[in-house]
Amino acid sequence: MCLGIPMQVVEIDGAFAWCEGRGRRERLNILLLDDVSPGVWVYAVLGQAREKLTAQRVYEINLALDGLAAALQGESSLDAYFPDLPLRP
């Protein structure tokens, strides 16, 4: 299974961008996206920027990833990490 993470574009280098997120810096292929510029948030999967993200979506994904990390540490009360789940059908 692969998990993507939100990363913010820091610098454009042709078909690639240097991005930072969740304590990492990575060079991502940005050919799948239009109009990528520094400051834009992208969803990074296996060295590729797959989609542009809004600030709200970045917050939601990071919260879910924090919840996953908490679960792996043995935390059992995870409702705070997934506040939108009760709203889904």
PDB file of N, CA and C in Angstrom:
ATOM      1  N   MET A   1       0.843  -1.171   0.000  1.00  0.00           N
ATOM      2  CA  MET A   1       0.000   0.000   0.000  1.00  0.00           C
ATOM      3  C   MET A   1       0.886   1.230   0.000  1.00  0.00           C
ATOM      4  N   CYS A   2       0.493   2.215  -0.761  1.00  0.00           N
ATOM      5  CA  CYS A   2       1.218   3.487  -0.811  1.00  0.00           C
ATOM      6  C   CYS A   2       0.347   4.582  -0.215  1.00  0.00           C
ATOM      7  N   LEU A   3       0.957   5.435   0.558  1.00  0.00           N
ATOM      8  CA  LEU A   3       0.262   6.598   1.084  1.00  0.00           C
ATOM      9  C   LEU A   3       0.881   7.845   0.490  1.00  0.00           C
ATOM     10  N   GLY A   4       0.047   8.755   0.081  1.00  0.00           N
ATOM     11  CA  GLY A   4       0.539  10.030  -0.396  1.00  0.00           C
ATOM     12  C   GLY A   4       0.558  11.019   0.750  1.00  0.00           C
ATOM     13  N   ILE A   5       1.347  12.070   0.582  1.00  0.00           N
ATOM     14  CA  ILE A   5       1.410  13.119   1.591  1.00  0.00           C
ATOM     15  C   ILE A   5       1.306  14.480   0.916  1.00  0.00           C
ATOM     16  N   PRO A   6       0.767  15.461   1.623  1.00  0.00           N
ATOM     17  CA  PRO A   6       0.743  16.814   1.090  1.00  0.00           C
ATOM     18  C   PRO A   6       2.141  17.420   1.167  1.00  0.00           C
ATOM     19  N   MET A   7       2.542  18.080   0.094  1.00  0.00           N
ATOM     20  CA  MET A   7       3.837  18.759   0.066  1.00  0.00           C
ATOM     21  C   MET A   7       3.649  20.105  -0.617  1.00  0.00           C
ATOM     22  N   GLN A   8       4.392  21.091  -0.133  1.00  0.00           N
ATOM     23  CA  GLN A   8       4.311  22.432  -0.705  1.00  0.00           C
ATOM     24  C   GLN A   8       5.489  22.657  -1.645  1.00  0.00           C
ATOM     25  N   VAL A   9       5.165  23.176  -2.820  1.00  0.00           N
ATOM     26  CA  VAL A   9       6.195  23.464  -3.817  1.00  0.00           C
ATOM     27  C   VAL A   9       7.060  24.618  -3.326  1.00  0.00           C
ATOM     28  N   VAL A  10       8.377  24.385  -3.351  1.00  0.00           N
ATOM     29  CA  VAL A  10       9.333  25.394  -2.918  1.00  0.00           C
ATOM     30  C   VAL A  10      10.061  26.003  -4.115  1.00  0.00           C
ATOM     31  N   GLU A  11      10.388  25.156  -5.084  1.00  0.00           N
ATOM     32  CA  GLU A  11      11.180  25.611  -6.231  1.00  0.00           C
ATOM     33  C   GLU A  11      10.859  24.749  -7.445  1.00  0.00           C
ATOM     34  N   ILE A  12      10.703  25.391  -8.597  1.00  0.00           N
ATOM     35  CA  ILE A  12      10.446  24.679  -9.851  1.00  0.00           C
ATOM     36  C   ILE A  12      11.773  24.466 -10.577  1.00  0.00           C
ATOM     37  N   ASP A  13      11.937  23.258 -11.110  1.00  0.00           N
ATOM     38  CA  ASP A  13      13.151  22.900 -11.844  1.00  0.00           C
ATOM     39  C   ASP A  13      12.730  22.127 -13.094  1.00  0.00           C
ATOM     40  N   GLY A  14      12.249  22.860 -14.118  1.00  0.00           N
ATOM     41  CA  GLY A  14      11.777  22.227 -15.353  1.00  0.00           C
ATOM     42  C   GLY A  14      10.520  21.413 -15.105  1.00  0.00           C
ATOM     43  N   ALA A  15      10.586  20.110 -15.381  1.00  0.00           N
ATOM     44  CA  ALA A  15       9.442  19.214 -15.193  1.00  0.00           C
ATOM     45  C   ALA A  15       9.365  18.688 -13.763  1.00  0.00           C
ATOM     46  N   PHE A  16      10.214  19.225 -12.906  1.00  0.00           N
ATOM     47  CA  PHE A  16      10.258  18.785 -11.515  1.00  0.00           C
ATOM     48  C   PHE A  16      10.101  19.974 -10.579  1.00  0.00           C
ATOM     49  N   ALA A  17       9.750  19.670  -9.344  1.00  0.00           N
ATOM     50  CA  ALA A  17       9.654  20.707  -8.318  1.00  0.00           C
ATOM     51  C   ALA A  17      10.221  20.165  -7.019  1.00  0.00           C
ATOM     52  N   TRP A  18      10.963  21.008  -6.324  1.00  0.00           N
ATOM     53  CA  TRP A  18      11.396  20.668  -4.974  1.00  0.00           C
ATOM     54  C   TRP A  18      10.250  21.029  -4.050  1.00  0.00           C
ATOM     55  N   CYS A  19       9.843  20.054  -3.248  1.00  0.00           N
ATOM     56  CA  CYS A  19       8.688  20.220  -2.375  1.00  0.00           C
ATOM     57  C   CYS A  19       9.039  19.814  -0.952  1.00  0.00           C
ATOM     58  N   GLU A  20       8.311  20.386   0.002  1.00  0.00           N
ATOM     59  CA  GLU A  20       8.521  20.064   1.407  1.00  0.00           C
ATOM     60  C   GLU A  20       7.190  19.783   2.070  1.00  0.00           C
ATOM     61  N   GLY A  21       7.202  18.795   2.962  1.00  0.00           N
ATOM     62  CA  GLY A  21       6.008  18.470   3.727  1.00  0.00           C
ATOM     63  C   GLY A  21       6.266  17.349   4.712  1.00  0.00           C
ATOM     64  N   ARG A  22       5.678  17.445   5.891  1.00  0.00           N
ATOM     65  CA  ARG A  22       5.786  16.441   6.948  1.00  0.00           C
ATOM     66  C   ARG A  22       7.251  16.103   7.264  1.00  0.00           C
ATOM     67  N   GLY A  23       8.080  17.159   7.274  1.00  0.00           N
ATOM     68  CA  GLY A  23       9.473  16.986   7.641  1.00  0.00           C
ATOM     69  C   GLY A  23      10.366  16.411   6.557  1.00  0.00           C
ATOM     70  N   ARG A  24       9.886  16.394   5.340  1.00  0.00           N
ATOM     71  CA  ARG A  24      10.654  15.837   4.222  1.00  0.00           C
ATOM     72  C   ARG A  24      10.844  16.882   3.140  1.00  0.00           C
ATOM     73  N   ARG A  25      11.880  16.693   2.353  1.00  0.00           N
ATOM     74  CA  ARG A  25      12.109  17.498   1.144  1.00  0.00           C
ATOM     75  C   ARG A  25      12.299  16.497   0.015  1.00  0.00           C
ATOM     76  N   GLU A  26      11.576  16.703  -1.072  1.00  0.00           N
ATOM     77  CA  GLU A  26      11.601  15.722  -2.152  1.00  0.00           C
ATOM     78  C   GLU A  26      11.465  16.415  -3.507  1.00  0.00           C
ATOM     79  N   ARG A  27      12.097  15.847  -4.510  1.00  0.00           N
ATOM     80  CA  ARG A  27      11.980  16.340  -5.888  1.00  0.00           C
ATOM     81  C   ARG A  27      10.885  15.537  -6.571  1.00  0.00           C
ATOM     82  N   LEU A  28       9.809  16.221  -6.952  1.00  0.00           N
ATOM     83  CA  LEU A  28       8.651  15.558  -7.542  1.00  0.00           C
ATOM     84  C   LEU A  28       8.501  15.893  -9.018  1.00  0.00           C
ATOM     85  N   ASN A  29       8.056  14.917  -9.794  1.00  0.00           N
ATOM     86  CA  ASN A  29       7.681  15.124 -11.184  1.00  0.00           C
ATOM     87  C   ASN A  29       6.344  15.864 -11.174  1.00  0.00           C
ATOM     88  N   ILE A  30       6.252  16.975 -11.902  1.00  0.00           N
ATOM     89  CA  ILE A  30       5.020  17.774 -11.901  1.00  0.00           C
ATOM     90  C   ILE A  30       4.331  17.797 -13.265  1.00  0.00           C
ATOM     91  N   LEU A  31       4.702  16.897 -14.148  1.00  0.00           N
ATOM     92  CA  LEU A  31       4.134  16.902 -15.499  1.00  0.00           C
ATOM     93  C   LEU A  31       2.627  16.648 -15.534  1.00  0.00           C
ATOM     94  N   LEU A  32       2.071  16.015 -14.509  1.00  0.00           N
ATOM     95  CA  LEU A  32       0.631  15.733 -14.500  1.00  0.00           C
ATOM     96  C   LEU A  32      -0.216  16.956 -14.151  1.00  0.00           C
ATOM     97  N   LEU A  33       0.428  18.040 -13.717  1.00  0.00           N
ATOM     98  CA  LEU A  33      -0.315  19.208 -13.236  1.00  0.00           C
ATOM     99  C   LEU A  33      -0.061  20.437 -14.089  1.00  0.00           C
ATOM    100  N   ASP A  34      -1.062  21.309 -14.146  1.00  0.00           N
ATOM    101  CA  ASP A  34      -0.938  22.598 -14.832  1.00  0.00           C
ATOM    102  C   ASP A  34      -0.682  23.701 -13.811  1.00  0.00           C
ATOM    103  N   ASP A  35       0.015  24.719 -14.232  1.00  0.00           N
ATOM    104  CA  ASP A  35       0.194  25.936 -13.429  1.00  0.00           C
ATOM    105  C   ASP A  35       0.685  25.684 -12.009  1.00  0.00           C
ATOM    106  N   VAL A  36       1.767  24.956 -11.887  1.00  0.00           N
ATOM    107  CA  VAL A  36       2.365  24.731 -10.572  1.00  0.00           C
ATOM    108  C   VAL A  36       3.389  25.826 -10.320  1.00  0.00           C
ATOM    109  N   SER A  37       3.312  26.435  -9.150  1.00  0.00           N
ATOM    110  CA  SER A  37       4.255  27.492  -8.798  1.00  0.00           C
ATOM    111  C   SER A  37       4.605  27.364  -7.316  1.00  0.00           C
ATOM    112  N   PRO A  38       5.685  27.999  -6.892  1.00  0.00           N
ATOM    113  CA  PRO A  38       6.041  27.945  -5.475  1.00  0.00           C
ATOM    114  C   PRO A  38       4.877  28.398  -4.594  1.00  0.00           C
ATOM    115  N   GLY A  39       4.681  27.671  -3.510  1.00  0.00           N
ATOM    116  CA  GLY A  39       3.587  27.960  -2.592  1.00  0.00           C
ATOM    117  C   GLY A  39       2.391  27.043  -2.762  1.00  0.00           C
ATOM    118  N   VAL A  40       2.263  26.430  -3.929  1.00  0.00           N
ATOM    119  CA  VAL A  40       1.139  25.524  -4.203  1.00  0.00           C
ATOM    120  C   VAL A  40       1.348  24.217  -3.433  1.00  0.00           C
ATOM    121  N   TRP A  41       0.268  23.689  -2.880  1.00  0.00           N
ATOM    122  CA  TRP A  41       0.301  22.387  -2.211  1.00  0.00           C
ATOM    123  C   TRP A  41      -0.106  21.308  -3.195  1.00  0.00           C
ATOM    124  N   VAL A  42       0.621  20.187  -3.177  1.00  0.00           N
ATOM    125  CA  VAL A  42       0.327  19.061  -4.059  1.00  0.00           C
ATOM    126  C   VAL A  42       0.245  17.776  -3.238  1.00  0.00           C
ATOM    127  N   TYR A  43      -0.413  16.793  -3.812  1.00  0.00           N
ATOM    128  CA  TYR A  43      -0.497  15.459  -3.216  1.00  0.00           C
ATOM    129  C   TYR A  43       0.604  14.628  -3.860  1.00  0.00           C
ATOM    130  N   ALA A  44       1.583  14.205  -3.046  1.00  0.00           N
ATOM    131  CA  ALA A  44       2.764  13.500  -3.551  1.00  0.00           C
ATOM    132  C   ALA A  44       2.653  12.002  -3.325  1.00  0.00           C
ATOM    133  N   VAL A  45       2.822  11.231  -4.410  1.00  0.00           N
ATOM    134  CA  VAL A  45       2.790   9.776  -4.343  1.00  0.00           C
ATOM    135  C   VAL A  45       3.924   9.227  -5.214  1.00  0.00           C
ATOM    136  N   LEU A  46       4.823   8.498  -4.607  1.00  0.00           N
ATOM    137  CA  LEU A  46       5.898   7.829  -5.334  1.00  0.00           C
ATOM    138  C   LEU A  46       6.646   8.743  -6.301  1.00  0.00           C
ATOM    139  N   GLY A  47       7.040   9.921  -5.827  1.00  0.00           N
ATOM    140  CA  GLY A  47       7.843  10.827  -6.635  1.00  0.00           C
ATOM    141  C   GLY A  47       7.081  11.653  -7.647  1.00  0.00           C
ATOM    142  N   GLN A  48       5.752  11.584  -7.601  1.00  0.00           N
ATOM    143  CA  GLN A  48       4.920  12.332  -8.539  1.00  0.00           C
ATOM    144  C   GLN A  48       3.966  13.248  -7.788  1.00  0.00           C
ATOM    145  N   ALA A  49       3.769  14.436  -8.307  1.00  0.00           N
ATOM    146  CA  ALA A  49       2.716  15.321  -7.809  1.00  0.00           C
ATOM    147  C   ALA A  49       1.447  14.925  -8.556  1.00  0.00           C
ATOM    148  N   ARG A  50       0.470  14.394  -7.833  1.00  0.00           N
ATOM    149  CA  ARG A  50      -0.728  13.846  -8.487  1.00  0.00           C
ATOM    150  C   ARG A  50      -1.867  14.840  -8.639  1.00  0.00           C
ATOM    151  N   GLU A  51      -1.999  15.759  -7.678  1.00  0.00           N
ATOM    152  CA  GLU A  51      -3.058  16.763  -7.769  1.00  0.00           C
ATOM    153  C   GLU A  51      -2.720  17.950  -6.892  1.00  0.00           C
ATOM    154  N   LYS A  52      -3.308  19.095  -7.223  1.00  0.00           N
ATOM    155  CA  LYS A  52      -3.149  20.279  -6.388  1.00  0.00           C
ATOM    156  C   LYS A  52      -4.160  20.187  -5.249  1.00  0.00           C
ATOM    157  N   LEU A  53      -3.771  20.700  -4.084  1.00  0.00           N
ATOM    158  CA  LEU A  53      -4.614  20.620  -2.897  1.00  0.00           C
ATOM    159  C   LEU A  53      -4.947  22.000  -2.357  1.00  0.00           C
ATOM    160  N   THR A  54      -6.144  22.128  -1.798  1.00  0.00           N
ATOM    161  CA  THR A  54      -6.512  23.347  -1.086  1.00  0.00           C
ATOM    162  C   THR A  54      -5.926  23.267   0.326  1.00  0.00           C
ATOM    163  N   ALA A  55      -5.862  24.401   0.994  1.00  0.00           N
ATOM    164  CA  ALA A  55      -5.360  24.420   2.371  1.00  0.00           C
ATOM    165  C   ALA A  55      -6.226  23.535   3.271  1.00  0.00           C
ATOM    166  N   GLN A  56      -7.535  23.515   3.054  1.00  0.00           N
ATOM    167  CA  GLN A  56      -8.431  22.674   3.855  1.00  0.00           C
ATOM    168  C   GLN A  56      -8.119  21.194   3.649  1.00  0.00           C
ATOM    169  N   ARG A  57      -7.893  20.806   2.425  1.00  0.00           N
ATOM    170  CA  ARG A  57      -7.586  19.394   2.133  1.00  0.00           C
ATOM    171  C   ARG A  57      -6.234  19.001   2.716  1.00  0.00           C
ATOM    172  N   VAL A  58      -5.261  19.902   2.681  1.00  0.00           N
ATOM    173  CA  VAL A  58      -3.959  19.643   3.301  1.00  0.00           C
ATOM    174  C   VAL A  58      -4.153  19.384   4.788  1.00  0.00           C
ATOM    175  N   TYR A  59      -4.959  20.219   5.440  1.00  0.00           N
ATOM    176  CA  TYR A  59      -5.235  20.053   6.870  1.00  0.00           C
ATOM    177  C   TYR A  59      -5.869  18.684   7.139  1.00  0.00           C
ATOM    178  N   GLU A  60      -6.872  18.314   6.360  1.00  0.00           N
ATOM    179  CA  GLU A  60      -7.573  17.042   6.562  1.00  0.00           C
ATOM    180  C   GLU A  60      -6.645  15.838   6.367  1.00  0.00           C
ATOM    181  N   ILE A  61      -5.831  15.859   5.328  1.00  0.00           N
ATOM    182  CA  ILE A  61      -4.913  14.745   5.065  1.00  0.00           C
ATOM    183  C   ILE A  61      -3.863  14.644   6.169  1.00  0.00           C
ATOM    184  N   ASN A  62      -3.291  15.786   6.563  1.00  0.00           N
ATOM    185  CA  ASN A  62      -2.292  15.755   7.629  1.00  0.00           C
ATOM    186  C   ASN A  62      -2.889  15.267   8.945  1.00  0.00           C
ATOM    187  N   LEU A  63      -4.113  15.651   9.235  1.00  0.00           N
ATOM    188  CA  LEU A  63      -4.781  15.184  10.448  1.00  0.00           C
ATOM    189  C   LEU A  63      -4.980  13.666  10.400  1.00  0.00           C
ATOM    190  N   ALA A  64      -5.397  13.149   9.257  1.00  0.00           N
ATOM    191  CA  ALA A  64      -5.581  11.702   9.105  1.00  0.00           C
ATOM    192  C   ALA A  64      -4.245  10.963   9.229  1.00  0.00           C
ATOM    193  N   LEU A  65      -3.184  11.520   8.661  1.00  0.00           N
ATOM    194  CA  LEU A  65      -1.865  10.896   8.785  1.00  0.00           C
ATOM    195  C   LEU A  65      -1.380  10.927  10.237  1.00  0.00           C
ATOM    196  N   ASP A  66      -1.685  12.012  10.944  1.00  0.00           N
ATOM    197  CA  ASP A  66      -1.362  12.067  12.371  1.00  0.00           C
ATOM    198  C   ASP A  66      -2.143  10.994  13.138  1.00  0.00           C
ATOM    199  N   GLY A  67      -3.394  10.777  12.745  1.00  0.00           N
ATOM    200  CA  GLY A  67      -4.210   9.728  13.361  1.00  0.00           C
ATOM    201  C   GLY A  67      -3.642   8.347  13.113  1.00  0.00           C
ATOM    202  N   LEU A  68      -3.157   8.108  11.917  1.00  0.00           N
ATOM    203  CA  LEU A  68      -2.530   6.828  11.600  1.00  0.00           C
ATOM    204  C   LEU A  68      -1.291   6.619  12.461  1.00  0.00           C
ATOM    205  N   ALA A  69      -0.478   7.667  12.591  1.00  0.00           N
ATOM    206  CA  ALA A  69       0.728   7.578  13.427  1.00  0.00           C
ATOM    207  C   ALA A  69       0.348   7.306  14.885  1.00  0.00           C
ATOM    208  N   ALA A  70      -0.710   7.957  15.362  1.00  0.00           N
ATOM    209  CA  ALA A  70      -1.167   7.738  16.738  1.00  0.00           C
ATOM    210  C   ALA A  70      -1.643   6.301  16.929  1.00  0.00           C
ATOM    211  N   ALA A  71      -2.366   5.773  15.958  1.00  0.00           N
ATOM    212  CA  ALA A  71      -2.841   4.384  16.045  1.00  0.00           C
ATOM    213  C   ALA A  71      -1.667   3.417  16.078  1.00  0.00           C
ATOM    214  N   LEU A  72      -0.644   3.693  15.288  1.00  0.00           N
ATOM    215  CA  LEU A  72       0.534   2.827  15.280  1.00  0.00           C
ATOM    216  C   LEU A  72       1.298   2.887  16.600  1.00  0.00           C
ATOM    217  N   GLN A  73       1.110   3.978  17.347  1.00  0.00           N
ATOM    218  CA  GLN A  73       1.733   4.110  18.664  1.00  0.00           C
ATOM    219  C   GLN A  73       0.855   3.522  19.772  1.00  0.00           C
ATOM    220  N   GLY A  74      -0.297   2.975  19.391  1.00  0.00           N
ATOM    221  CA  GLY A  74      -1.168   2.323  20.357  1.00  0.00           C
ATOM    222  C   GLY A  74      -2.314   3.162  20.890  1.00  0.00           C
ATOM    223  N   GLU A  75      -2.440   4.389  20.391  1.00  0.00           N
ATOM    224  CA  GLU A  75      -3.542   5.238  20.838  1.00  0.00           C
ATOM    225  C   GLU A  75      -4.860   4.665  20.322  1.00  0.00           C
ATOM    226  N   SER A  76      -5.875   4.623  21.181  1.00  0.00           N
ATOM    227  CA  SER A  76      -7.140   4.027  20.766  1.00  0.00           C
ATOM    228  C   SER A  76      -8.254   5.056  20.582  1.00  0.00           C
ATOM    229  N   SER A  77      -8.095   6.241  21.093  1.00  0.00           N
ATOM    230  CA  SER A  77      -9.094   7.291  20.928  1.00  0.00           C
ATOM    231  C   SER A  77      -8.679   8.154  19.740  1.00  0.00           C
ATOM    232  N   LEU A  78      -9.277   7.883  18.605  1.00  0.00           N
ATOM    233  CA  LEU A  78      -8.845   8.529  17.361  1.00  0.00           C
ATOM    234  C   LEU A  78      -9.875   9.475  16.756  1.00  0.00           C
ATOM    235  N   ASP A  79     -10.985   9.695  17.444  1.00  0.00           N
ATOM    236  CA  ASP A  79     -12.048  10.542  16.896  1.00  0.00           C
ATOM    237  C   ASP A  79     -11.570  11.942  16.523  1.00  0.00           C
ATOM    238  N   ALA A  80     -10.656  12.511  17.294  1.00  0.00           N
ATOM    239  CA  ALA A  80     -10.185  13.870  17.030  1.00  0.00           C
ATOM    240  C   ALA A  80      -9.428  13.964  15.707  1.00  0.00           C
ATOM    241  N   TYR A  81      -8.884  12.857  15.248  1.00  0.00           N
ATOM    242  CA  TYR A  81      -8.117  12.855  13.995  1.00  0.00           C
ATOM    243  C   TYR A  81      -9.013  12.722  12.756  1.00  0.00           C
ATOM    244  N   PHE A  82     -10.234  12.281  12.955  1.00  0.00           N
ATOM    245  CA  PHE A  82     -11.149  12.045  11.839  1.00  0.00           C
ATOM    246  C   PHE A  82     -12.505  12.689  12.115  1.00  0.00           C
ATOM    247  N   PRO A  83     -12.538  14.024  12.281  1.00  0.00           N
ATOM    248  CA  PRO A  83     -13.788  14.687  12.662  1.00  0.00           C
ATOM    249  C   PRO A  83     -14.886  14.597  11.614  1.00  0.00           C
ATOM    250  N   ASP A  84     -14.546  14.335  10.370  1.00  0.00           N
ATOM    251  CA  ASP A  84     -15.551  14.293   9.305  1.00  0.00           C
ATOM    252  C   ASP A  84     -16.218  12.920   9.164  1.00  0.00           C
ATOM    253  N   LEU A  85     -15.697  11.886   9.800  1.00  0.00           N
ATOM    254  CA  LEU A  85     -16.264  10.541   9.621  1.00  0.00           C
ATOM    255  C   LEU A  85     -17.723  10.417  10.043  1.00  0.00           C
ATOM    256  N   PRO A  86     -18.157  10.994  11.163  1.00  0.00           N
ATOM    257  CA  PRO A  86     -19.571  10.867  11.518  1.00  0.00           C
ATOM    258  C   PRO A  86     -20.512  11.504  10.501  1.00  0.00           C
ATOM    259  N   LEU A  87     -20.004  12.421   9.686  1.00  0.00           N
ATOM    260  CA  LEU A  87     -20.834  13.100   8.694  1.00  0.00           C
ATOM    261  C   LEU A  87     -21.006  12.306   7.408  1.00  0.00           C
ATOM    262  N   ARG A  88     -20.189  11.284   7.226  1.00  0.00           N
ATOM    263  CA  ARG A  88     -20.255  10.499   5.982  1.00  0.00           C
ATOM    264  C   ARG A  88     -21.319   9.425   6.103  1.00  0.00           C
ATOM    265  N   PRO A  89     -21.944   9.090   4.956  1.00  0.00           N
ATOM    266  CA  PRO A  89     -22.996   8.046   4.986  1.00  0.00           C
ATOM    267  C   PRO A  89     -22.426   6.665   5.238  1.00  0.00           C
TER     268      PRO A  89
END
